[in-house]
């Protein structure tokens, strides 16, 4: 079992977890396992923390991605989605929570999990919030969100919305 940093600082622990999570997203299976173990412990120490719950859910989805057994893959993915939905219920306005849930939902096969509509909801929320509060998302985040939104619309069978969003993205890429 991996012990959490004993310095008591939640932010330092979360920073380390974010690094492991990022490595895991990029394919490092050991980092996924380490992040998940640390998140399980931190989640017990800080119940009701939306960011921790979202990373925990994402780590479960990454474990699902990496497992070979289909039943286990399904179970882990569903547990991950449940945790991500709990995180949004805890803090629906959190950019980090919405980005995590949207990114997981857009990557799951919609034909099996029906998560494209959730991804659309999260990415649309982020873009609307950014319009209302300039600078909420960085320019890079806006481009990433629009790219993911295109994929979510395509998965949801909404090609017209995907094309409209692609035009928005092309307009941004033309500016810089």
N, C-alpha and C. Protein backbone atom coordinates (compact mmCIF):
# COMPACT_ATOMS: atom_id res chain seq x y z
N UNK A 1 0.83 -1.20 0.00
CA UNK A 1 0.00 0.00 0.00
C UNK A 1 0.87 1.25 0.00
N UNK A 2 0.45 2.23 -0.74
CA UNK A 2 1.19 3.48 -0.83
C UNK A 2 0.67 4.44 0.23
N UNK A 3 1.59 4.99 0.98
CA UNK A 3 1.21 5.96 2.01
C UNK A 3 1.13 7.35 1.40
N UNK A 4 0.22 8.13 1.91
CA UNK A 4 0.12 9.53 1.50
C UNK A 4 1.22 10.32 2.19
N UNK A 5 1.60 11.40 1.57
CA UNK A 5 2.59 12.28 2.19
C UNK A 5 2.14 12.62 3.59
N UNK A 6 3.05 12.54 4.54
CA UNK A 6 2.69 12.72 5.94
C UNK A 6 2.78 14.16 6.40
N UNK A 7 2.96 15.08 5.45
CA UNK A 7 3.08 16.48 5.84
C UNK A 7 1.72 17.13 6.09
N UNK A 8 0.65 16.39 5.80
CA UNK A 8 -0.69 16.90 6.09
C UNK A 8 -1.22 17.91 5.09
N UNK A 9 -0.48 18.21 4.06
CA UNK A 9 -0.95 19.22 3.13
C UNK A 9 -1.71 18.57 1.97
N UNK A 10 -2.97 18.84 1.97
CA UNK A 10 -3.86 18.33 0.94
C UNK A 10 -3.41 18.78 -0.45
N UNK A 11 -3.02 20.03 -0.58
CA UNK A 11 -2.62 20.55 -1.89
C UNK A 11 -1.40 19.84 -2.45
N UNK A 12 -0.41 19.56 -1.61
CA UNK A 12 0.78 18.84 -2.08
C UNK A 12 0.40 17.44 -2.51
N UNK A 13 -0.43 16.78 -1.73
CA UNK A 13 -0.87 15.43 -2.08
C UNK A 13 -1.63 15.44 -3.40
N UNK A 14 -2.51 16.42 -3.56
CA UNK A 14 -3.30 16.51 -4.78
C UNK A 14 -2.41 16.85 -5.98
N UNK A 15 -1.39 17.67 -5.76
CA UNK A 15 -0.45 18.00 -6.84
C UNK A 15 0.26 16.73 -7.32
N UNK A 16 0.71 15.91 -6.39
CA UNK A 16 1.37 14.65 -6.74
C UNK A 16 0.40 13.72 -7.48
N UNK A 17 -0.83 13.67 -7.01
CA UNK A 17 -1.84 12.83 -7.64
C UNK A 17 -2.13 13.32 -9.06
N UNK A 18 -2.20 14.63 -9.24
CA UNK A 18 -2.44 15.17 -10.59
C UNK A 18 -1.34 14.75 -11.56
N UNK A 19 -0.09 14.77 -11.09
CA UNK A 19 1.03 14.35 -11.94
C UNK A 19 0.90 12.88 -12.31
N UNK A 20 0.61 12.04 -11.31
CA UNK A 20 0.43 10.61 -11.58
C UNK A 20 -0.75 10.39 -12.53
N UNK A 21 -1.83 11.10 -12.30
CA UNK A 21 -3.02 10.98 -13.15
C UNK A 21 -2.69 11.35 -14.58
N UNK A 22 -1.98 12.44 -14.77
CA UNK A 22 -1.60 12.88 -16.10
C UNK A 22 -0.74 11.83 -16.80
N UNK A 23 0.21 11.27 -16.07
CA UNK A 23 1.04 10.20 -16.64
C UNK A 23 0.16 9.00 -16.99
N UNK A 24 -0.80 8.72 -16.15
CA UNK A 24 -1.72 7.62 -16.40
C UNK A 24 -2.57 7.84 -17.64
N UNK A 25 -3.05 9.05 -17.81
CA UNK A 25 -3.83 9.38 -19.01
C UNK A 25 -2.99 9.13 -20.25
N UNK A 26 -1.69 9.41 -20.13
CA UNK A 26 -0.77 9.22 -21.25
C UNK A 26 -0.27 7.79 -21.40
N UNK A 27 -0.85 6.85 -20.63
CA UNK A 27 -0.56 5.44 -20.84
C UNK A 27 0.26 4.74 -19.78
N UNK A 28 0.72 5.44 -18.75
CA UNK A 28 1.54 4.82 -17.70
C UNK A 28 0.62 4.08 -16.72
N UNK A 29 0.55 2.77 -16.86
CA UNK A 29 -0.37 1.97 -16.04
C UNK A 29 0.03 1.95 -14.57
N UNK A 30 1.33 1.98 -14.29
CA UNK A 30 1.77 2.01 -12.89
C UNK A 30 1.36 3.33 -12.22
N UNK A 31 1.44 4.42 -12.97
CA UNK A 31 1.02 5.72 -12.43
C UNK A 31 -0.47 5.70 -12.12
N UNK A 32 -1.26 5.05 -12.97
CA UNK A 32 -2.71 4.94 -12.72
C UNK A 32 -2.94 4.22 -11.40
N UNK A 33 -2.25 3.11 -11.21
CA UNK A 33 -2.43 2.34 -9.97
C UNK A 33 -2.00 3.13 -8.75
N UNK A 34 -0.89 3.85 -8.85
CA UNK A 34 -0.42 4.67 -7.72
C UNK A 34 -1.41 5.80 -7.43
N UNK A 35 -1.87 6.46 -8.47
CA UNK A 35 -2.83 7.55 -8.28
C UNK A 35 -4.09 7.02 -7.62
N UNK A 36 -4.57 5.88 -8.10
CA UNK A 36 -5.81 5.32 -7.54
C UNK A 36 -5.64 4.98 -6.06
N UNK A 37 -4.52 4.38 -5.70
CA UNK A 37 -4.28 4.03 -4.30
C UNK A 37 -4.22 5.28 -3.42
N UNK A 38 -3.53 6.30 -3.88
CA UNK A 38 -3.44 7.54 -3.11
C UNK A 38 -4.81 8.21 -3.01
N UNK A 39 -5.56 8.16 -4.10
CA UNK A 39 -6.89 8.78 -4.09
C UNK A 39 -7.84 8.05 -3.16
N UNK A 40 -7.75 6.74 -3.12
CA UNK A 40 -8.62 5.97 -2.22
C UNK A 40 -8.37 6.39 -0.76
N UNK A 41 -7.09 6.57 -0.41
CA UNK A 41 -6.76 6.99 0.96
C UNK A 41 -7.18 8.43 1.20
N UNK A 42 -6.89 9.32 0.27
CA UNK A 42 -7.24 10.73 0.44
C UNK A 42 -8.76 10.92 0.47
N UNK A 43 -9.45 10.11 -0.31
CA UNK A 43 -10.92 10.17 -0.35
C UNK A 43 -11.51 9.82 1.02
N UNK A 44 -10.89 8.85 1.72
CA UNK A 44 -11.36 8.49 3.07
C UNK A 44 -11.06 9.61 4.06
N UNK A 45 -9.93 10.27 3.88
CA UNK A 45 -9.53 11.34 4.79
C UNK A 45 -10.33 12.62 4.54
N UNK A 46 -10.82 12.81 3.30
CA UNK A 46 -11.55 14.03 2.95
C UNK A 46 -12.85 13.67 2.21
N UNK A 47 -13.78 13.04 2.91
CA UNK A 47 -15.03 12.67 2.24
C UNK A 47 -15.81 13.92 1.81
N UNK A 48 -16.46 13.81 0.68
CA UNK A 48 -17.27 14.93 0.21
C UNK A 48 -16.48 15.98 -0.56
N UNK A 49 -15.20 15.72 -0.86
CA UNK A 49 -14.40 16.65 -1.63
C UNK A 49 -14.60 16.34 -3.11
N UNK A 50 -15.21 17.26 -3.84
CA UNK A 50 -15.59 17.03 -5.23
C UNK A 50 -14.39 16.76 -6.13
N UNK A 51 -13.30 17.48 -5.94
CA UNK A 51 -12.13 17.30 -6.79
C UNK A 51 -11.52 15.92 -6.57
N UNK A 52 -11.39 15.52 -5.32
CA UNK A 52 -10.85 14.19 -5.02
C UNK A 52 -11.77 13.12 -5.60
N UNK A 53 -13.06 13.29 -5.44
CA UNK A 53 -14.04 12.32 -5.96
C UNK A 53 -13.93 12.22 -7.48
N UNK A 54 -13.73 13.35 -8.15
CA UNK A 54 -13.61 13.35 -9.61
C UNK A 54 -12.33 12.64 -10.06
N UNK A 55 -11.23 12.93 -9.42
CA UNK A 55 -9.99 12.22 -9.77
C UNK A 55 -10.11 10.73 -9.46
N UNK A 56 -10.77 10.40 -8.38
CA UNK A 56 -10.99 9.00 -8.03
C UNK A 56 -11.80 8.32 -9.15
N UNK A 57 -12.86 8.96 -9.60
CA UNK A 57 -13.67 8.40 -10.68
C UNK A 57 -12.87 8.26 -11.96
N UNK A 58 -12.07 9.26 -12.27
CA UNK A 58 -11.24 9.19 -13.47
C UNK A 58 -10.21 8.07 -13.35
N UNK A 59 -9.66 7.89 -12.15
CA UNK A 59 -8.67 6.82 -11.96
C UNK A 59 -9.32 5.45 -12.16
N UNK A 60 -10.57 5.31 -11.74
CA UNK A 60 -11.29 4.05 -11.97
C UNK A 60 -11.49 3.82 -13.47
N UNK A 61 -11.82 4.88 -14.19
CA UNK A 61 -11.99 4.75 -15.64
C UNK A 61 -10.68 4.37 -16.31
N UNK A 62 -9.57 4.92 -15.82
CA UNK A 62 -8.27 4.55 -16.37
C UNK A 62 -7.92 3.10 -16.04
N UNK A 63 -8.26 2.66 -14.85
CA UNK A 63 -8.06 1.24 -14.51
C UNK A 63 -8.89 0.35 -15.45
N UNK A 64 -10.10 0.81 -15.75
CA UNK A 64 -10.97 0.06 -16.67
C UNK A 64 -10.32 -0.01 -18.05
N UNK A 65 -9.76 1.09 -18.49
CA UNK A 65 -9.09 1.14 -19.79
C UNK A 65 -7.97 0.11 -19.85
N UNK A 66 -7.26 -0.05 -18.75
CA UNK A 66 -6.05 -0.87 -18.74
C UNK A 66 -6.30 -2.35 -18.45
N UNK A 67 -7.48 -2.71 -17.99
CA UNK A 67 -7.73 -4.11 -17.67
C UNK A 67 -8.14 -4.89 -18.92
N UNK A 68 -7.88 -6.17 -18.91
CA UNK A 68 -8.19 -7.03 -20.05
C UNK A 68 -9.57 -7.67 -19.89
N UNK A 69 -9.95 -7.98 -18.67
CA UNK A 69 -11.21 -8.69 -18.39
C UNK A 69 -12.41 -7.78 -18.65
N UNK A 70 -13.29 -8.21 -19.54
CA UNK A 70 -14.42 -7.37 -19.95
C UNK A 70 -15.36 -7.05 -18.80
N UNK A 71 -15.68 -8.02 -17.96
CA UNK A 71 -16.58 -7.77 -16.83
C UNK A 71 -15.98 -6.75 -15.87
N UNK A 72 -14.70 -6.90 -15.60
CA UNK A 72 -14.01 -5.96 -14.71
C UNK A 72 -13.94 -4.56 -15.35
N UNK A 73 -13.70 -4.53 -16.66
CA UNK A 73 -13.64 -3.27 -17.40
C UNK A 73 -14.97 -2.52 -17.25
N UNK A 74 -16.08 -3.24 -17.45
CA UNK A 74 -17.41 -2.64 -17.33
C UNK A 74 -17.66 -2.15 -15.90
N UNK A 75 -17.34 -2.99 -14.92
CA UNK A 75 -17.59 -2.64 -13.52
C UNK A 75 -16.79 -1.40 -13.10
N UNK A 76 -15.51 -1.37 -13.46
CA UNK A 76 -14.66 -0.23 -13.10
C UNK A 76 -15.13 1.05 -13.79
N UNK A 77 -15.49 0.94 -15.06
CA UNK A 77 -15.96 2.13 -15.79
C UNK A 77 -17.24 2.68 -15.16
N UNK A 78 -18.16 1.79 -14.81
CA UNK A 78 -19.42 2.24 -14.20
C UNK A 78 -19.18 2.85 -12.82
N UNK A 79 -18.29 2.25 -12.03
CA UNK A 79 -17.94 2.82 -10.72
C UNK A 79 -17.32 4.21 -10.91
N UNK A 80 -16.46 4.33 -11.93
CA UNK A 80 -15.84 5.61 -12.22
C UNK A 80 -16.86 6.67 -12.58
N UNK A 81 -17.82 6.29 -13.44
CA UNK A 81 -18.89 7.23 -13.82
C UNK A 81 -19.71 7.65 -12.61
N UNK A 82 -20.01 6.69 -11.74
CA UNK A 82 -20.78 7.02 -10.53
C UNK A 82 -20.02 8.04 -9.67
N UNK A 83 -18.72 7.83 -9.52
CA UNK A 83 -17.91 8.76 -8.71
C UNK A 83 -17.86 10.14 -9.38
N UNK A 84 -17.71 10.17 -10.70
CA UNK A 84 -17.69 11.45 -11.42
C UNK A 84 -19.02 12.17 -11.30
N UNK A 85 -20.12 11.44 -11.37
CA UNK A 85 -21.44 12.06 -11.20
C UNK A 85 -21.62 12.58 -9.78
N UNK A 86 -21.09 11.85 -8.78
CA UNK A 86 -21.14 12.33 -7.39
C UNK A 86 -20.34 13.62 -7.27
N UNK A 87 -19.18 13.68 -7.92
CA UNK A 87 -18.34 14.86 -7.85
C UNK A 87 -19.06 16.08 -8.41
N UNK A 88 -19.75 15.91 -9.53
CA UNK A 88 -20.50 17.03 -10.11
C UNK A 88 -21.66 17.41 -9.20
N UNK A 89 -22.29 16.44 -8.57
CA UNK A 89 -23.38 16.74 -7.63
C UNK A 89 -22.84 17.53 -6.43
N UNK A 90 -21.61 17.24 -6.03
CA UNK A 90 -21.00 17.96 -4.90
C UNK A 90 -20.61 19.39 -5.28
N UNK A 91 -20.14 19.58 -6.51
CA UNK A 91 -19.70 20.92 -6.94
C UNK A 91 -19.86 21.05 -8.46
N UNK A 92 -21.09 21.37 -8.88
CA UNK A 92 -21.42 21.45 -10.30
C UNK A 92 -20.69 22.58 -11.01
N UNK A 93 -20.19 23.55 -10.26
CA UNK A 93 -19.53 24.69 -10.86
C UNK A 93 -18.02 24.56 -10.97
N UNK A 94 -17.47 23.44 -10.55
CA UNK A 94 -16.02 23.26 -10.56
C UNK A 94 -15.52 22.96 -11.97
N UNK A 95 -14.64 23.80 -12.46
CA UNK A 95 -14.04 23.62 -13.78
C UNK A 95 -13.29 22.29 -13.85
N UNK A 96 -12.50 22.01 -12.84
CA UNK A 96 -11.69 20.80 -12.84
C UNK A 96 -12.56 19.54 -12.84
N UNK A 97 -13.61 19.55 -12.04
CA UNK A 97 -14.52 18.41 -11.97
C UNK A 97 -15.21 18.21 -13.32
N UNK A 98 -15.69 19.29 -13.93
CA UNK A 98 -16.38 19.18 -15.21
C UNK A 98 -15.42 18.73 -16.32
N UNK A 99 -14.20 19.22 -16.30
CA UNK A 99 -13.22 18.77 -17.29
C UNK A 99 -12.93 17.28 -17.15
N UNK A 100 -12.76 16.82 -15.92
CA UNK A 100 -12.48 15.40 -15.70
C UNK A 100 -13.65 14.53 -16.18
N UNK A 101 -14.87 14.88 -15.76
CA UNK A 101 -16.02 14.06 -16.16
C UNK A 101 -16.22 14.11 -17.67
N UNK A 102 -16.14 15.28 -18.25
CA UNK A 102 -16.32 15.40 -19.69
C UNK A 102 -15.29 14.59 -20.46
N UNK A 103 -14.03 14.66 -20.03
CA UNK A 103 -12.98 13.92 -20.71
C UNK A 103 -13.16 12.41 -20.60
N UNK A 104 -13.61 11.93 -19.46
CA UNK A 104 -13.87 10.50 -19.33
C UNK A 104 -15.06 10.11 -20.20
N UNK A 105 -16.13 10.88 -20.12
CA UNK A 105 -17.36 10.54 -20.85
C UNK A 105 -17.18 10.54 -22.36
N UNK A 106 -16.36 11.44 -22.88
CA UNK A 106 -16.17 11.51 -24.33
C UNK A 106 -15.33 10.33 -24.83
N UNK A 107 -14.57 9.72 -23.95
CA UNK A 107 -13.70 8.61 -24.36
C UNK A 107 -14.38 7.24 -24.24
N UNK A 108 -15.41 7.15 -23.44
CA UNK A 108 -16.11 5.86 -23.31
C UNK A 108 -16.97 5.61 -24.55
N UNK A 109 -17.10 4.36 -24.94
CA UNK A 109 -17.94 4.08 -26.11
C UNK A 109 -19.41 4.41 -25.81
N UNK A 110 -19.94 5.36 -26.56
CA UNK A 110 -21.32 5.81 -26.31
C UNK A 110 -22.33 4.71 -26.57
N UNK A 111 -22.03 3.82 -27.49
CA UNK A 111 -22.96 2.73 -27.80
C UNK A 111 -23.18 1.83 -26.58
N UNK A 112 -22.23 1.82 -25.67
CA UNK A 112 -22.34 0.97 -24.49
C UNK A 112 -22.70 1.75 -23.22
N UNK A 113 -22.09 2.93 -23.04
CA UNK A 113 -22.27 3.68 -21.79
C UNK A 113 -23.21 4.88 -21.90
N UNK A 114 -23.56 5.29 -23.11
CA UNK A 114 -24.43 6.45 -23.32
C UNK A 114 -23.96 7.68 -22.53
N UNK A 115 -22.71 8.05 -22.72
CA UNK A 115 -22.15 9.18 -21.98
C UNK A 115 -21.89 10.41 -22.84
N UNK A 116 -22.16 10.34 -24.13
CA UNK A 116 -21.90 11.49 -25.00
C UNK A 116 -22.72 12.70 -24.55
N UNK A 117 -23.96 12.48 -24.14
CA UNK A 117 -24.80 13.60 -23.70
C UNK A 117 -24.25 14.26 -22.43
N UNK A 118 -23.63 13.46 -21.57
CA UNK A 118 -23.01 14.01 -20.35
C UNK A 118 -21.79 14.84 -20.73
N UNK A 119 -21.00 14.33 -21.68
CA UNK A 119 -19.83 15.09 -22.15
C UNK A 119 -20.29 16.42 -22.76
N UNK A 120 -21.35 16.36 -23.57
CA UNK A 120 -21.89 17.58 -24.18
C UNK A 120 -22.31 18.57 -23.09
N UNK A 121 -22.99 18.07 -22.07
CA UNK A 121 -23.42 18.92 -20.96
C UNK A 121 -22.23 19.59 -20.28
N UNK A 122 -21.18 18.82 -19.99
CA UNK A 122 -20.01 19.36 -19.30
C UNK A 122 -19.26 20.37 -20.16
N UNK A 123 -19.02 20.02 -21.41
CA UNK A 123 -18.25 20.92 -22.28
C UNK A 123 -19.04 22.18 -22.60
N UNK A 124 -20.35 22.04 -22.76
CA UNK A 124 -21.19 23.22 -23.01
C UNK A 124 -21.20 24.13 -21.79
N UNK A 125 -21.30 23.53 -20.60
CA UNK A 125 -21.24 24.31 -19.36
C UNK A 125 -19.94 25.11 -19.29
N UNK A 126 -18.83 24.45 -19.59
CA UNK A 126 -17.52 25.11 -19.52
C UNK A 126 -17.43 26.27 -20.51
N UNK A 127 -17.92 26.05 -21.72
CA UNK A 127 -17.87 27.12 -22.74
C UNK A 127 -18.79 28.28 -22.39
N UNK A 128 -19.99 27.99 -21.88
CA UNK A 128 -20.91 29.06 -21.47
C UNK A 128 -20.32 29.86 -20.30
N UNK A 129 -19.71 29.16 -19.35
CA UNK A 129 -19.10 29.84 -18.22
C UNK A 129 -17.95 30.72 -18.70
N UNK A 130 -17.20 30.23 -19.67
CA UNK A 130 -16.09 31.02 -20.20
C UNK A 130 -16.59 32.27 -20.93
N UNK A 131 -17.72 32.16 -21.62
CA UNK A 131 -18.29 33.34 -22.29
C UNK A 131 -18.76 34.37 -21.26
N UNK A 132 -19.32 33.88 -20.16
CA UNK A 132 -19.83 34.78 -19.11
C UNK A 132 -18.70 35.38 -18.28
N UNK A 133 -17.60 34.65 -18.17
CA UNK A 133 -16.48 35.09 -17.35
C UNK A 133 -15.19 34.87 -18.14
N UNK A 134 -14.82 35.86 -18.92
CA UNK A 134 -13.64 35.74 -19.79
C UNK A 134 -12.42 35.30 -18.99
N UNK A 135 -11.68 34.36 -19.55
CA UNK A 135 -10.49 33.88 -18.88
C UNK A 135 -10.73 32.68 -17.99
N UNK A 136 -11.98 32.26 -17.86
CA UNK A 136 -12.30 31.07 -17.05
C UNK A 136 -11.53 29.87 -17.58
N UNK A 137 -11.49 29.74 -18.91
CA UNK A 137 -10.69 28.71 -19.57
C UNK A 137 -9.54 29.39 -20.30
N UNK A 138 -8.39 28.74 -20.32
CA UNK A 138 -7.28 29.26 -21.11
C UNK A 138 -7.60 29.03 -22.59
N UNK A 139 -6.86 29.69 -23.46
CA UNK A 139 -7.07 29.52 -24.91
C UNK A 139 -6.88 28.05 -25.30
N UNK A 140 -5.91 27.41 -24.71
CA UNK A 140 -5.64 26.00 -24.98
C UNK A 140 -6.81 25.12 -24.51
N UNK A 141 -7.33 25.43 -23.33
CA UNK A 141 -8.48 24.67 -22.81
C UNK A 141 -9.70 24.84 -23.69
N UNK A 142 -9.94 26.06 -24.19
CA UNK A 142 -11.08 26.30 -25.08
C UNK A 142 -10.97 25.42 -26.31
N UNK A 143 -9.78 25.37 -26.91
CA UNK A 143 -9.58 24.55 -28.10
C UNK A 143 -9.78 23.06 -27.79
N UNK A 144 -9.25 22.61 -26.66
CA UNK A 144 -9.43 21.21 -26.26
C UNK A 144 -10.91 20.89 -26.04
N UNK A 145 -11.61 21.77 -25.33
CA UNK A 145 -13.03 21.56 -25.05
C UNK A 145 -13.83 21.51 -26.35
N UNK A 146 -13.56 22.43 -27.26
CA UNK A 146 -14.27 22.42 -28.54
C UNK A 146 -13.98 21.13 -29.31
N UNK A 147 -12.74 20.69 -29.32
CA UNK A 147 -12.38 19.44 -30.00
C UNK A 147 -13.12 18.24 -29.41
N UNK A 148 -13.18 18.19 -28.09
CA UNK A 148 -13.90 17.10 -27.42
C UNK A 148 -15.41 17.20 -27.66
N UNK A 149 -15.89 18.42 -27.71
CA UNK A 149 -17.32 18.63 -27.94
C UNK A 149 -17.71 18.14 -29.34
N UNK A 150 -16.86 18.35 -30.32
CA UNK A 150 -17.11 17.84 -31.67
C UNK A 150 -17.27 16.32 -31.62
N UNK A 151 -16.33 15.66 -30.95
CA UNK A 151 -16.38 14.19 -30.84
C UNK A 151 -17.65 13.74 -30.11
N UNK A 152 -18.02 14.46 -29.06
CA UNK A 152 -19.23 14.09 -28.30
C UNK A 152 -20.48 14.24 -29.16
N UNK A 153 -20.58 15.33 -29.92
CA UNK A 153 -21.72 15.52 -30.82
C UNK A 153 -21.76 14.41 -31.87
N UNK A 154 -20.62 14.05 -32.41
CA UNK A 154 -20.58 12.96 -33.39
C UNK A 154 -21.05 11.65 -32.77
N UNK A 155 -20.58 11.35 -31.57
CA UNK A 155 -20.98 10.12 -30.87
C UNK A 155 -22.46 10.11 -30.55
N UNK A 156 -23.01 11.29 -30.28
CA UNK A 156 -24.43 11.40 -29.92
C UNK A 156 -25.33 11.45 -31.17
N UNK A 157 -24.73 11.36 -32.35
CA UNK A 157 -25.53 11.38 -33.57
C UNK A 157 -26.06 12.77 -33.91
N UNK A 158 -25.27 13.79 -33.60
CA UNK A 158 -25.66 15.18 -33.88
C UNK A 158 -24.62 15.82 -34.82
N UNK A 159 -24.58 15.37 -36.09
CA UNK A 159 -23.55 15.86 -37.01
C UNK A 159 -23.64 17.36 -37.29
N UNK A 160 -24.84 17.93 -37.27
CA UNK A 160 -24.96 19.37 -37.52
C UNK A 160 -24.30 20.18 -36.41
N UNK A 161 -24.50 19.76 -35.16
CA UNK A 161 -23.86 20.45 -34.03
C UNK A 161 -22.34 20.25 -34.08
N UNK A 162 -21.92 19.05 -34.49
CA UNK A 162 -20.48 18.78 -34.62
C UNK A 162 -19.86 19.72 -35.65
N UNK A 163 -20.55 19.90 -36.78
CA UNK A 163 -20.04 20.79 -37.84
C UNK A 163 -20.00 22.24 -37.36
N UNK A 164 -21.04 22.66 -36.67
CA UNK A 164 -21.11 24.03 -36.15
C UNK A 164 -19.96 24.27 -35.16
N UNK A 165 -19.70 23.30 -34.30
CA UNK A 165 -18.63 23.41 -33.32
C UNK A 165 -17.26 23.38 -34.01
N UNK A 166 -17.14 22.57 -35.06
CA UNK A 166 -15.89 22.52 -35.82
C UNK A 166 -15.59 23.87 -36.46
N UNK A 167 -16.64 24.57 -36.90
CA UNK A 167 -16.44 25.91 -37.47
C UNK A 167 -15.93 26.89 -36.40
N UNK A 168 -16.49 26.77 -35.20
CA UNK A 168 -16.01 27.61 -34.09
C UNK A 168 -14.53 27.34 -33.82
N UNK A 169 -14.17 26.05 -33.78
CA UNK A 169 -12.78 25.67 -33.52
C UNK A 169 -11.87 26.17 -34.64
N UNK A 170 -12.30 26.02 -35.87
CA UNK A 170 -11.50 26.49 -37.01
C UNK A 170 -11.30 28.00 -36.93
N UNK A 171 -12.31 28.72 -36.49
CA UNK A 171 -12.20 30.18 -36.33
C UNK A 171 -11.16 30.54 -35.28
N UNK A 172 -11.08 29.76 -34.21
CA UNK A 172 -10.08 30.02 -33.17
C UNK A 172 -8.68 29.69 -33.66
N UNK A 173 -8.55 28.60 -34.39
CA UNK A 173 -7.24 28.21 -34.89
C UNK A 173 -6.73 29.22 -35.91
N UNK A 174 -7.65 29.85 -36.63
CA UNK A 174 -7.27 30.88 -37.59
C UNK A 174 -6.74 32.14 -36.93
N UNK A 175 -7.16 32.35 -35.66
CA UNK A 175 -6.73 33.54 -34.92
C UNK A 175 -5.37 33.36 -34.26
N UNK A 176 -4.93 32.15 -34.12
CA UNK A 176 -3.66 32.02 -33.41
C UNK A 176 -3.25 30.64 -33.34
